[in-house]
Amino acid sequence: MVIPIPILRLTLILASATVVFVSHAWVPSKVYDNSLLVSRRRQQTSTLPMMISKQQLGIFEVLETTEPSTDRRVVLLDYTACNDTTGLPSLIDFDTAWEYQKHILNQQIERLQFDDTTTSSFLPIILNDDDDDDDDETKNYSNKTNGHDAIIMLQHNPVYTLGTGSDDKFLLSSSSCPNDDEDDSDDSTSTNNAVDPSTVPVVRMDRGGEITYHGPGQITVYPILDLRSYRQDIHWYMRALEEAIILAISKCDKNLQPERQDDVTGVWVNNRKIAAVGIKCRRWITMHGLAVNVEESSLENFQGIVPCGLEGRKVGCINQFIDNPIKVHDFSILLKEALEEVFQIELINQELMQ
């Protein structure tokens, strides 16, 4: 029997299509291998949020804990109060505060050398043997910061600080500082005289972030916290610091609307940066922290830098946006309450380090 040529051609085409279909369908091992590769990549990239990246990552989520905040006691070293003799705020040199931080950090690390899973980072309560455990009036808090979480609040003497990767180009020469002759009358940082950066000390240290300024009129806060007691996520911690700032500023005036902005850290009001955040973390214990511009005096020396390397952006202070100006120490009370709320802690005043 002779098969007509058209039918033969159709048969060959169908056979070829079948072979092609089968050859493409018969690759389950390759598909499986690719899925494993994707899974491995996901496992590898899942650790990235633990790194401090240039761009903002992560979101703030309310901390959930089974302990009451009264059991989560944290040392507070508050230097923001005015000196009893002079009536002026006590200003702390940056190097001095840095030594305070390192001292507390080293004590925390010593605690971890014993057992990093069972030893608490919170401040213990000392009870007398004959006291009733339920009688709050008989409770005395340990007067030592040894190995326990601590938060330092202070105002610095004027200083520019750069992070480990900061670019020196953001430290301006006196000739490049903006002044009143420039068409920038809306710039809140302008003063009658341009600031010569050479008159302000410059310190490069071990935090993330670009160059910033610390000085009178600004509150600087250094939490030395073991994140095992909170959440072991650096980006969550950064957002938590911002959240505390937002809560505190919001309490200054009901009309204030502090906010975060995309792809940058810190807190902003009316498109001006009010607060900066920069940290370091060693063995899940934090250093450095946040700074909030409260009084207008805090803005003067920002003219000597490009704050946080954000060219074309402006800085501001809380008192620019409220009718009744607030002092740094008064704002520190609001910030304490906000930190207690965000981190679910109770801050206990301790004798100041000297």
Protein backbone atom coordinates (compact mmCIF):
# COMPACT_ATOMS: atom_id res chain seq x y z
CA MET A 1 0.00 0.00 0.00
CA VAL A 2 1.38 3.34 -0.98
CA ILE A 3 0.84 6.22 1.53
CA PRO A 4 0.07 9.51 -0.19
CA ILE A 5 2.80 12.10 0.20
CA PRO A 6 0.57 14.70 2.01
CA ILE A 7 -0.45 12.14 4.63
CA LEU A 8 3.18 11.06 5.07
CA ARG A 9 4.28 14.65 5.60
CA LEU A 10 1.52 15.17 8.19
CA THR A 11 2.59 12.02 10.02
CA LEU A 12 6.22 13.18 10.16
CA ILE A 13 5.19 16.62 11.44
CA LEU A 14 3.07 15.07 14.23
CA ALA A 15 5.91 12.74 15.18
CA SER A 16 8.36 15.64 15.36
CA ALA A 17 5.94 17.65 17.48
CA THR A 18 5.57 14.70 19.84
CA VAL A 19 9.34 14.39 20.19
CA VAL A 20 9.66 18.12 20.82
CA PHE A 21 6.84 18.04 23.40
CA VAL A 22 8.34 15.06 25.20
CA SER A 23 11.86 16.48 25.13
CA HIS A 24 10.66 19.73 26.71
CA ALA A 25 8.45 17.98 29.23
CA TRP A 26 11.15 15.60 30.32
CA VAL A 27 13.13 17.98 32.49
CA PRO A 28 11.82 17.54 36.02
CA SER A 29 15.34 17.25 37.46
CA LYS A 30 16.39 20.60 35.96
CA VAL A 31 13.28 22.33 37.25
CA TYR A 32 13.86 20.79 40.68
CA ASP A 33 17.50 21.89 40.69
CA ASN A 34 16.52 25.44 39.79
CA SER A 35 13.98 25.56 42.59
CA LEU A 36 16.63 24.40 45.03
CA LEU A 37 18.96 27.12 43.77
CA VAL A 38 16.28 29.75 44.26
CA SER A 39 15.64 28.39 47.74
CA ARG A 40 19.35 28.56 48.60
CA ARG A 41 19.55 32.10 47.29
CA ARG A 42 16.59 33.06 49.44
CA GLN A 43 18.27 31.50 52.44
CA GLN A 44 21.45 33.43 51.70
CA THR A 45 19.69 36.75 51.15
CA SER A 46 17.54 36.32 54.26
CA THR A 47 20.52 37.50 56.31
CA LEU A 48 20.79 40.80 54.44
CA PRO A 49 18.35 42.70 56.70
CA MET A 50 20.86 42.15 59.51
CA MET A 51 23.31 44.40 57.69
CA ILE A 52 23.29 48.18 57.78
CA SER A 53 22.73 49.29 54.21
CA LYS A 54 22.89 52.72 52.65
CA GLN A 55 19.21 52.71 51.87
CA GLN A 56 16.53 52.35 54.47
CA LEU A 57 15.29 48.79 54.89
CA GLY A 58 12.79 47.26 57.24
CA ILE A 59 9.75 48.65 58.98
CA PHE A 60 8.85 49.35 62.57
CA GLU A 61 6.69 46.74 64.25
CA VAL A 62 5.45 47.03 67.81
CA LEU A 63 7.62 45.01 70.17
CA GLU A 64 5.77 42.10 71.74
CA THR A 65 6.99 40.81 75.09
CA THR A 66 5.51 38.66 77.83
CA GLU A 67 7.27 40.67 80.55
CA PRO A 68 5.82 43.83 82.07
CA SER A 69 7.91 46.92 81.48
CA THR A 70 8.54 47.16 85.24
CA ASP A 71 10.59 43.97 84.95
CA ARG A 72 12.55 45.38 82.02
CA ARG A 73 14.57 48.05 83.82
CA VAL A 74 17.22 50.02 81.98
CA VAL A 75 19.80 52.40 83.44
CA LEU A 76 19.29 56.06 82.56
CA LEU A 77 22.24 58.44 82.69
CA ASP A 78 20.70 61.86 82.09
CA TYR A 79 23.11 64.77 81.71
CA THR A 80 20.57 67.15 80.15
CA ALA A 81 19.60 68.95 83.38
CA CYS A 82 21.08 72.38 83.99
CA ASN A 83 23.99 72.77 86.38
CA ASP A 84 22.76 73.68 89.87
CA THR A 85 25.48 76.31 90.27
CA THR A 86 25.50 78.05 86.90
CA GLY A 87 21.96 77.34 85.77
CA LEU A 88 23.40 76.45 82.36
CA PRO A 89 23.16 73.06 80.64
CA SER A 90 26.04 70.67 81.25
CA LEU A 91 27.91 70.06 78.00
CA ILE A 92 29.83 66.82 77.52
CA ASP A 93 32.84 66.47 75.21
CA PHE A 94 32.35 63.86 72.51
CA ASP A 95 35.43 61.88 73.51
CA THR A 96 34.18 61.67 77.11
CA ALA A 97 30.78 60.34 76.03
CA TRP A 98 32.45 57.87 73.70
CA GLU A 99 34.48 56.52 76.63
CA TYR A 100 31.27 56.16 78.65
CA GLN A 101 29.73 54.11 75.84
CA LYS A 102 32.75 51.86 75.43
CA HIS A 103 32.92 51.26 79.18
CA ILE A 104 29.28 50.13 79.32
CA LEU A 105 29.69 48.06 76.15
CA ASN A 106 32.70 46.23 77.58
CA GLN A 107 30.74 45.44 80.73
CA GLN A 108 27.94 44.00 78.61
CA ILE A 109 30.41 41.83 76.71
CA GLU A 110 31.91 40.59 79.97
CA ARG A 111 28.42 39.55 81.05
CA LEU A 112 27.98 37.57 77.84
CA GLN A 113 31.21 35.65 78.44
CA PHE A 114 29.48 33.82 81.28
CA ASP A 115 26.29 32.87 79.48
CA ASP A 116 24.69 34.86 76.71
CA THR A 117 21.39 32.96 76.90
CA THR A 118 20.41 33.13 80.56
CA THR A 119 21.96 36.31 81.96
CA SER A 120 19.60 39.26 81.75
CA SER A 121 20.63 42.59 80.32
CA PHE A 122 18.07 44.36 82.51
CA LEU A 123 18.79 46.07 85.79
CA PRO A 124 18.17 43.77 88.78
CA ILE A 125 16.30 44.66 91.95
CA ILE A 126 18.02 44.17 95.29
CA LEU A 127 15.72 43.08 98.12
CA ASN A 128 16.56 43.00 101.80
CA ASP A 129 16.19 39.55 103.30
CA ASP A 130 13.48 40.66 105.72
CA ASP A 131 11.51 42.65 103.13
CA ASP A 132 8.28 41.57 101.54
CA ASP A 133 8.82 40.92 97.85
CA ASP A 134 5.51 42.56 97.03
CA ASP A 135 6.30 45.80 98.82
CA ASP A 136 7.52 48.20 96.11
CA GLU A 137 8.76 50.69 98.69
CA THR A 138 11.37 48.24 99.93
CA LYS A 139 12.85 47.62 96.52
CA ASN A 140 16.24 49.12 95.74
CA TYR A 141 17.69 49.07 92.28
CA SER A 142 21.28 48.04 91.73
CA ASN A 143 23.42 51.17 91.62
CA LYS A 144 25.75 49.67 89.05
CA THR A 145 25.56 49.65 85.26
CA ASN A 146 27.74 46.52 85.18
CA GLY A 147 26.62 44.41 82.27
CA HIS A 148 23.18 45.99 82.03
CA ASP A 149 21.41 48.00 79.35
CA ALA A 150 21.86 51.75 79.67
CA ILE A 151 20.76 54.91 77.89
CA ILE A 152 22.80 58.11 78.01
CA MET A 153 21.16 61.48 77.32
CA LEU A 154 23.24 64.64 76.97
CA GLN A 155 24.18 67.78 75.10
CA HIS A 156 27.60 67.89 73.45
CA ASN A 157 30.13 70.62 73.10
CA PRO A 158 30.25 71.52 69.37
CA VAL A 159 31.70 68.69 67.27
CA TYR A 160 31.44 67.27 63.75
CA THR A 161 31.39 63.46 63.63
CA LEU A 162 31.97 61.23 60.63
CA GLY A 163 31.03 57.57 60.31
CA THR A 164 33.45 54.88 59.18
CA GLY A 165 32.53 55.37 55.52
CA SER A 166 31.84 59.10 55.57
CA ASP A 167 33.09 61.19 52.66
CA ASP A 168 35.32 64.13 53.64
CA LYS A 169 33.87 66.22 50.82
CA PHE A 170 30.81 66.85 52.98
CA LEU A 171 32.98 68.81 55.43
CA LEU A 172 32.93 72.25 53.82
CA SER A 173 35.66 74.87 53.72
CA SER A 174 34.80 78.30 55.11
CA SER A 175 34.68 79.74 51.58
CA SER A 176 32.05 77.22 50.51
CA CYS A 177 29.75 77.72 53.51
CA PRO A 178 26.44 79.31 52.55
CA ASN A 179 25.95 82.91 53.70
CA ASP A 180 23.39 85.67 53.61
CA ASP A 181 24.54 86.93 50.19
CA GLU A 182 23.19 83.76 48.60
CA ASP A 183 19.59 83.59 47.44
CA ASP A 184 18.45 81.19 50.15
CA SER A 185 16.49 83.33 52.56
CA ASP A 186 14.36 80.31 53.52
CA ASP A 187 17.35 78.33 54.76
CA SER A 188 16.83 77.93 58.49
CA THR A 189 20.50 77.13 59.04
CA SER A 190 21.83 80.46 57.79
CA THR A 191 23.36 82.84 60.31
CA ASN A 192 24.79 86.33 60.08
CA ASN A 193 28.31 84.97 59.87
CA ALA A 194 29.47 81.94 57.90
CA VAL A 195 30.85 79.21 60.10
CA ASP A 196 34.47 78.21 59.68
CA PRO A 197 34.54 74.42 60.07
CA SER A 198 38.13 74.63 61.31
CA THR A 199 36.82 76.07 64.60
CA VAL A 200 34.76 72.95 65.32
CA PRO A 201 36.53 69.68 66.26
CA VAL A 202 36.14 66.82 63.79
CA VAL A 203 36.00 63.20 64.97
CA ARG A 204 35.83 60.07 62.82
CA MET A 205 34.34 57.16 64.69
CA ASP A 206 32.88 53.69 64.36
CA ARG A 207 29.24 54.30 63.50
CA GLY A 208 27.31 54.10 60.27
CA GLY A 209 26.11 57.15 58.39
CA GLU A 210 27.60 60.32 56.99
CA ILE A 211 28.86 63.48 58.68
CA THR A 212 26.68 65.25 61.24
CA TYR A 213 26.93 67.91 63.91
CA HIS A 214 26.37 67.75 67.68
CA GLY A 215 26.21 70.75 69.97
CA PRO A 216 24.22 72.83 72.45
CA GLY A 217 20.48 72.97 71.87
CA GLN A 218 20.45 69.41 70.54
CA ILE A 219 19.74 66.27 72.57
CA THR A 220 21.97 63.30 71.80
CA VAL A 221 20.96 59.85 73.03
CA TYR A 222 23.21 56.80 73.23
CA PRO A 223 21.38 53.54 73.94
CA ILE A 224 23.73 50.69 74.84
CA LEU A 225 21.24 47.85 74.54
CA ASP A 226 21.54 44.09 74.10
CA LEU A 227 19.14 43.43 71.23
CA ARG A 228 18.63 39.87 72.46
CA SER A 229 16.26 41.44 74.98
CA TYR A 230 14.32 43.25 72.27
CA ARG A 231 14.54 42.09 68.67
CA GLN A 232 17.66 40.87 66.91
CA ASP A 233 17.15 42.95 63.82
CA ILE A 234 19.27 46.03 63.22
CA HIS A 235 16.84 47.60 60.79
CA TRP A 236 13.98 47.15 63.23
CA TYR A 237 16.15 48.86 65.84
CA MET A 238 16.84 51.82 63.54
CA ARG A 239 13.13 52.20 62.84
CA ALA A 240 12.39 51.86 66.58
CA LEU A 241 14.67 54.81 67.35
CA GLU A 242 12.88 56.83 64.69
CA GLU A 243 9.53 55.78 66.15
CA ALA A 244 10.53 57.05 69.60
CA ILE A 245 11.59 60.38 68.08
CA ILE A 246 8.30 60.69 66.19
CA LEU A 247 6.28 59.97 69.34
CA ALA A 248 8.24 62.51 71.40
CA ILE A 249 8.04 65.29 68.79
CA SER A 250 4.32 64.66 68.34
CA LYS A 251 3.80 65.39 72.04
CA CYS A 252 5.38 68.85 71.70
CA ASP A 253 2.48 70.16 69.66
CA LYS A 254 -0.60 68.43 68.30
CA ASN A 255 -0.11 70.19 64.95
CA LEU A 256 3.39 68.80 64.40
CA GLN A 257 3.59 65.99 61.87
CA PRO A 258 7.01 64.33 62.12
CA GLU A 259 7.61 61.65 59.53
CA ARG A 260 10.09 59.33 57.86
CA GLN A 261 11.06 59.84 54.24
CA ASP A 262 11.79 57.19 51.64
CA ASP A 263 15.33 55.86 51.31
CA VAL A 264 16.83 58.01 54.08
CA THR A 265 17.10 57.56 57.82
CA GLY A 266 16.02 60.09 60.40
CA VAL A 267 12.88 62.12 61.13
CA TRP A 268 11.58 65.09 59.17
CA VAL A 269 9.14 67.96 59.76
CA ASN A 270 7.95 70.11 56.83
CA ASN A 271 10.68 68.57 54.68
CA ARG A 272 13.44 69.59 57.11
CA LYS A 273 15.53 67.00 58.87
CA ILE A 274 14.95 67.32 62.60
CA ALA A 275 16.66 64.15 63.82
CA ALA A 276 19.50 61.89 62.71
CA VAL A 277 20.19 58.24 63.52
CA GLY A 278 23.53 56.42 63.31
CA ILE A 279 24.54 53.27 65.16
CA LYS A 280 27.06 50.51 65.61
CA CYS A 281 26.29 46.99 66.80
CA ARG A 282 28.78 44.55 68.33
CA ARG A 283 27.62 41.10 69.36
CA TRP A 284 24.06 42.46 69.17
CA ILE A 285 24.89 45.28 71.62
CA THR A 286 24.26 48.76 70.26
CA MET A 287 26.31 51.94 70.46
CA HIS A 288 25.82 55.53 69.30
CA GLY A 289 22.20 56.36 68.55
CA LEU A 290 20.19 59.47 67.75
CA ALA A 291 20.26 63.26 67.86
CA VAL A 292 17.30 65.66 67.80
CA ASN A 293 17.59 69.38 67.10
CA VAL A 294 15.44 71.03 69.74
CA GLU A 295 16.46 74.68 70.18
CA GLU A 296 17.41 77.03 67.35
CA SER A 297 20.94 77.32 68.73
CA SER A 298 21.45 73.73 67.55
CA LEU A 299 21.43 74.82 63.89
CA GLU A 300 24.28 77.31 63.70
CA ASN A 301 27.19 75.01 62.91
CA PHE A 302 25.32 72.89 60.37
CA GLN A 303 26.49 75.46 57.83
CA GLY A 304 29.95 73.92 57.97
CA ILE A 305 28.82 70.55 56.56
CA VAL A 306 26.46 68.82 54.19
CA PRO A 307 24.43 67.11 56.94
CA CYS A 308 24.27 63.35 56.45
CA GLY A 309 25.60 63.88 52.92
CA LEU A 310 22.13 64.95 51.74
CA GLU A 311 22.94 67.71 49.29
CA GLY A 312 20.19 70.23 48.74
CA ARG A 313 18.26 69.17 51.85
CA LYS A 314 17.68 71.41 54.86
CA VAL A 315 17.85 70.81 58.58
CA GLY A 316 15.52 72.27 61.16
CA CYS A 317 14.68 72.17 64.84
CA ILE A 318 11.53 71.57 66.86
CA ASN A 319 11.23 75.15 68.09
CA GLN A 320 10.83 76.43 64.52
CA PHE A 321 7.46 74.71 64.32
CA ILE A 322 5.87 75.29 67.74
CA ASP A 323 4.46 78.43 69.37
CA ASN A 324 5.88 77.72 72.83
CA PRO A 325 9.62 76.91 72.59
CA ILE A 326 10.86 73.91 74.52
CA LYS A 327 14.19 73.37 76.26
CA VAL A 328 16.35 70.30 75.72
CA HIS A 329 15.79 68.96 79.23
CA ASP A 330 12.00 69.34 78.89
CA PHE A 331 12.10 67.47 75.58
CA SER A 332 14.23 64.76 77.21
CA ILE A 333 11.27 63.91 79.45
CA LEU A 334 9.05 63.34 76.41
CA LEU A 335 11.78 61.28 74.74
CA LYS A 336 12.21 59.11 77.85
CA GLU A 337 8.50 58.31 77.81
CA ALA A 338 8.66 57.47 74.10
CA LEU A 339 11.68 55.19 74.53
CA GLU A 340 9.92 53.39 77.37
CA GLU A 341 6.87 52.86 75.17
CA VAL A 342 8.72 51.69 72.08
CA PHE A 343 11.16 49.35 73.84
CA GLN A 344 8.75 48.27 76.60
CA ILE A 345 11.15 49.27 79.37
CA GLU A 346 11.28 51.29 82.56
CA LEU A 347 14.11 53.82 82.74
CA ILE A 348 15.78 54.06 86.15
CA ASN A 349 17.88 57.14 86.93
CA GLN A 350 21.34 56.23 88.13
CA GLU A 351 24.31 58.16 89.46
CA LEU A 352 26.08 59.85 86.58
CA MET A 353 29.46 58.65 85.39
CA GLN A 354 32.26 61.17 85.89
